[in-house]
C-alpha atoms as a PDB file:
ATOM      1  CA  UNK A   1      84.365  95.732 117.676  1.00  0.00           C
ATOM      2  CA  UNK A   2      86.784  92.933 116.679  1.00  0.00           C
ATOM      3  CA  UNK A   3      90.709  92.972 116.236  1.00  0.00           C
ATOM      4  CA  UNK A   4      91.294  89.417 115.497  1.00  0.00           C
ATOM      5  CA  UNK A   5      93.511  88.984 112.304  1.00  0.00           C
ATOM      6  CA  UNK A   6      92.551  85.117 112.127  1.00  0.00           C
ATOM      7  CA  UNK A   7      89.026  84.300 112.132  1.00  0.00           C
ATOM      8  CA  UNK A   8      88.034  80.476 111.831  1.00  0.00           C
ATOM      9  CA  UNK A   9      85.386  79.733 108.967  1.00  0.00           C
ATOM     10  CA  UNK A  10      85.090  77.995 105.615  1.00  0.00           C
ATOM     11  CA  UNK A  11      87.163  79.474 102.936  1.00  0.00           C
ATOM     12  CA  UNK A  12      85.356  80.411  99.796  1.00  0.00           C
ATOM     13  CA  UNK A  13      81.722  79.673 101.000  1.00  0.00           C
ATOM     14  CA  UNK A  14      79.507  82.618 100.379  1.00  0.00           C
ATOM     15  CA  UNK A  15      76.028  82.249 101.611  1.00  0.00           C
ATOM     16  CA  UNK A  16      75.190  86.120 101.383  1.00  0.00           C
ATOM     17  CA  UNK A  17      77.126  87.932  99.070  1.00  0.00           C
ATOM     18  CA  UNK A  18      78.033  91.015  99.854  1.00  0.00           C
ATOM     19  CA  UNK A  19      78.136  94.666  98.194  1.00  0.00           C
ATOM     20  CA  UNK A  20      81.824  95.891  98.778  1.00  0.00           C
ATOM     21  CA  UNK A  21      83.530  99.139  98.113  1.00  0.00           C
ATOM     22  CA  UNK A  22      87.156  98.570  98.541  1.00  0.00           C
ATOM     23  CA  UNK A  23      89.202 101.834  99.174  1.00  0.00           C
ATOM     24  CA  UNK A  24      93.003 101.625  98.828  1.00  0.00           C
ATOM     25  CA  UNK A  25      95.427 103.892  97.117  1.00  0.00           C
ATOM     26  CA  UNK A  26      97.519 100.956  96.010  1.00  0.00           C
ATOM     27  CA  UNK A  27      96.132  99.810  92.597  1.00  0.00           C
ATOM     28  CA  UNK A  28      97.664  96.313  92.869  1.00  0.00           C
ATOM     29  CA  UNK A  29      95.934  95.421  95.943  1.00  0.00           C
ATOM     30  CA  UNK A  30      92.350  97.037  94.704  1.00  0.00           C
ATOM     31  CA  UNK A  31      92.801  94.770  91.973  1.00  0.00           C
ATOM     32  CA  UNK A  32      93.747  91.590  93.979  1.00  0.00           C
ATOM     33  CA  UNK A  33      90.848  91.998  96.351  1.00  0.00           C
ATOM     34  CA  UNK A  34      88.484  92.940  93.639  1.00  0.00           C
ATOM     35  CA  UNK A  35      89.345  89.445  91.772  1.00  0.00           C
ATOM     36  CA  UNK A  36      89.219  87.508  94.735  1.00  0.00           C
ATOM     37  CA  UNK A  37      85.967  88.917  96.152  1.00  0.00           C
ATOM     38  CA  UNK A  38      83.991  88.676  93.022  1.00  0.00           C
ATOM     39  CA  UNK A  39      85.024  84.864  92.636  1.00  0.00           C
ATOM     40  CA  UNK A  40      83.365  84.394  95.953  1.00  0.00           C
ATOM     41  CA  UNK A  41      80.285  85.881  94.422  1.00  0.00           C
ATOM     42  CA  UNK A  42      80.423  89.528  96.109  1.00  0.00           C
ATOM     43  CA  UNK A  43      79.522  92.578  94.137  1.00  0.00           C
ATOM     44  CA  UNK A  44      82.648  94.718  94.526  1.00  0.00           C
ATOM     45  CA  UNK A  45      83.406  98.302  93.485  1.00  0.00           C
ATOM     46  CA  UNK A  46      86.785  99.990  94.204  1.00  0.00           C
ATOM     47  CA  UNK A  47      87.916 103.537  95.255  1.00  0.00           C
ATOM     48  CA  UNK A  48      91.926 105.010  94.707  1.00  0.00           C
ATOM     49  CA  UNK A  49      91.582 106.934  97.754  1.00  0.00           C
ATOM     50  CA  UNK A  50      89.065 108.023 100.816  1.00  0.00           C
ATOM     51  CA  UNK A  51      87.424 110.921  98.688  1.00  0.00           C
ATOM     52  CA  UNK A  52      86.790 108.888  95.852  1.00  0.00           C
ATOM     53  CA  UNK A  53      84.975 106.019  98.262  1.00  0.00           C
ATOM     54  CA  UNK A  54      83.131 109.179  99.924  1.00  0.00           C
ATOM     55  CA  UNK A  55      81.804 110.357  96.638  1.00  0.00           C
ATOM     56  CA  UNK A  56      80.586 106.625  95.612  1.00  0.00           C
ATOM     57  CA  UNK A  57      78.907 106.432  98.853  1.00  0.00           C
ATOM     58  CA  UNK A  58      77.353 109.674  99.055  1.00  0.00           C
ATOM     59  CA  UNK A  59      75.955 109.248  95.296  1.00  0.00           C
ATOM     60  CA  UNK A  60      74.516 105.660  96.213  1.00  0.00           C
ATOM     61  CA  UNK A  61      74.120 105.257  99.657  1.00  0.00           C
ATOM     62  CA  UNK A  62      72.451 102.015  99.619  1.00  0.00           C
ATOM     63  CA  UNK A  63      74.730 100.647  97.058  1.00  0.00           C
ATOM     64  CA  UNK A  64      77.191  98.897  99.675  1.00  0.00           C
ATOM     65  CA  UNK A  65      76.751  97.201 102.886  1.00  0.00           C
ATOM     66  CA  UNK A  66      80.157  96.771 103.326  1.00  0.00           C
ATOM     67  CA  UNK A  67      83.396  99.344 103.098  1.00  0.00           C
ATOM     68  CA  UNK A  68      86.790  97.894 103.314  1.00  0.00           C
ATOM     69  CA  UNK A  69      89.219 100.699 103.746  1.00  0.00           C
ATOM     70  CA  UNK A  70      93.114 101.209 103.867  1.00  0.00           C
ATOM     71  CA  UNK A  71      93.969 103.827 106.802  1.00  0.00           C
ATOM     72  CA  UNK A  72      97.047 105.201 104.729  1.00  0.00           C
ATOM     73  CA  UNK A  73      95.470 107.189 101.689  1.00  0.00           C
ATOM     74  CA  UNK A  74      95.937 110.573  99.940  1.00  0.00           C
ATOM     75  CA  UNK A  75      93.001 113.112  99.896  1.00  0.00           C
ATOM     76  CA  UNK A  76      91.139 111.435 102.768  1.00  0.00           C
ATOM     77  CA  UNK A  77      92.817 108.810 105.123  1.00  0.00           C
ATOM     78  CA  UNK A  78      90.644 105.981 106.488  1.00  0.00           C
ATOM     79  CA  UNK A  79      89.791 107.513 109.780  1.00  0.00           C
ATOM     80  CA  UNK A  80      88.840 110.694 107.849  1.00  0.00           C
ATOM     81  CA  UNK A  81      86.576 108.686 105.695  1.00  0.00           C
ATOM     82  CA  UNK A  82      84.874 106.771 108.543  1.00  0.00           C
ATOM     83  CA  UNK A  83      84.305 110.068 110.482  1.00  0.00           C
ATOM     84  CA  UNK A  84      82.526 111.502 107.451  1.00  0.00           C
ATOM     85  CA  UNK A  85      80.417 108.434 106.714  1.00  0.00           C
ATOM     86  CA  UNK A  86      79.314 108.394 110.347  1.00  0.00           C
ATOM     87  CA  UNK A  87      77.933 111.888 110.021  1.00  0.00           C
ATOM     88  CA  UNK A  88      76.069 110.721 106.837  1.00  0.00           C
ATOM     89  CA  UNK A  89      74.675 107.619 108.823  1.00  0.00           C
ATOM     90  CA  UNK A  90      76.485 104.870 106.662  1.00  0.00           C
ATOM     91  CA  UNK A  91      74.597 101.700 108.061  1.00  0.00           C
ATOM     92  CA  UNK A  92      77.005  99.153 106.362  1.00  0.00           C
ATOM     93  CA  UNK A  93      79.788  97.487 108.119  1.00  0.00           C
ATOM     94  CA  UNK A  94      83.316  98.904 107.917  1.00  0.00           C
ATOM     95  CA  UNK A  95      86.635  96.713 108.079  1.00  0.00           C
ATOM     96  CA  UNK A  96      89.955  98.997 108.199  1.00  0.00           C
ATOM     97  CA  UNK A  97      93.196  97.586 106.820  1.00  0.00           C
ATOM     98  CA  UNK A  98      96.466  99.151 107.889  1.00  0.00           C
ATOM     99  CA  UNK A  99     100.047  98.226 108.010  1.00  0.00           C
ATOM    100  CA  UNK A 100     100.483 100.325 111.089  1.00  0.00           C
ATOM    101  CA  UNK A 101      98.358 102.186 113.457  1.00  0.00           C
ATOM    102  CA  UNK A 102      99.356 104.111 116.687  1.00  0.00           C
ATOM    103  CA  UNK A 103      97.261 103.429 119.988  1.00  0.00           C
ATOM    104  CA  UNK A 104      95.731 106.959 119.452  1.00  0.00           C
ATOM    105  CA  UNK A 105      94.161 106.098 115.984  1.00  0.00           C
ATOM    106  CA  UNK A 106      93.162 102.798 116.858  1.00  0.00           C
ATOM    107  CA  UNK A 107      91.047 104.226 119.683  1.00  0.00           C
ATOM    108  CA  UNK A 108      89.556 106.717 117.142  1.00  0.00           C
ATOM    109  CA  UNK A 109      88.404 103.966 115.206  1.00  0.00           C
ATOM    110  CA  UNK A 110      87.119 102.106 117.858  1.00  0.00           C
ATOM    111  CA  UNK A 111      85.116 105.445 118.823  1.00  0.00           C
ATOM    112  CA  UNK A 112      83.604 105.047 115.413  1.00  0.00           C
ATOM    113  CA  UNK A 113      82.612 101.766 115.911  1.00  0.00           C
ATOM    114  CA  UNK A 114      84.376 100.026 113.019  1.00  0.00           C
ATOM    115  CA  UNK A 115      83.616  96.305 112.916  1.00  0.00           C
ATOM    116  CA  UNK A 116      87.179  95.105 112.637  1.00  0.00           C
ATOM    117  CA  UNK A 117      90.599  96.438 112.223  1.00  0.00           C
ATOM    118  CA  UNK A 118      93.006  94.038 110.479  1.00  0.00           C
ATOM    119  CA  UNK A 119      96.728  94.521 110.086  1.00  0.00           C
ATOM    120  CA  UNK A 120      98.272  94.234 106.427  1.00  0.00           C
ATOM    121  CA  UNK A 121      99.098  91.995 104.878  1.00  0.00           C
ATOM    122  CA  UNK A 122      95.490  90.301 104.724  1.00  0.00           C
ATOM    123  CA  UNK A 123      95.593  86.820 103.407  1.00  0.00           C
ATOM    124  CA  UNK A 124      92.686  85.786 101.176  1.00  0.00           C
ATOM    125  CA  UNK A 125      91.352  83.039 103.360  1.00  0.00           C
ATOM    126  CA  UNK A 126      91.304  85.226 106.436  1.00  0.00           C
ATOM    127  CA  UNK A 127      89.425  87.481 104.704  1.00  0.00           C
ATOM    128  CA  UNK A 128      86.883  84.970 103.439  1.00  0.00           C
ATOM    129  CA  UNK A 129      86.111  83.578 106.729  1.00  0.00           C
ATOM    130  CA  UNK A 130      85.996  87.081 108.084  1.00  0.00           C
ATOM    131  CA  UNK A 131      83.196  87.867 105.546  1.00  0.00           C
ATOM    132  CA  UNK A 132      81.512  84.601 106.399  1.00  0.00           C
ATOM    133  CA  UNK A 133      80.750  85.975 109.921  1.00  0.00           C
ATOM    134  CA  UNK A 134      79.210  89.441 108.855  1.00  0.00           C
END
């Protein structure tokens, strides 16, 4: 797992469009990220919380090859969501966004082998560069 907040790369260049599910309880952030990622050529679905994200992935296990999730959400937080996805053998990549995580939670994500943990706020050019490396 990588914890880099800044990833070098070419912003806006998408060679392999991703099928992304973005889970965040903040509607404004969901809308902003959805618009940004769609403009870059990715397919994007959103979920308002971890339970909704789990339902979408359970209903169509191969529909997404990347989950981007906030940590602090109602119903199921990001850690609970990732735990459940690991029992379902979700094969997609996982990126966690969070404004704050204590060491215990960060270590739990590492044990669950998430691909990246990124601190909020996330700038579009940073996310684009990261996605280009996936």
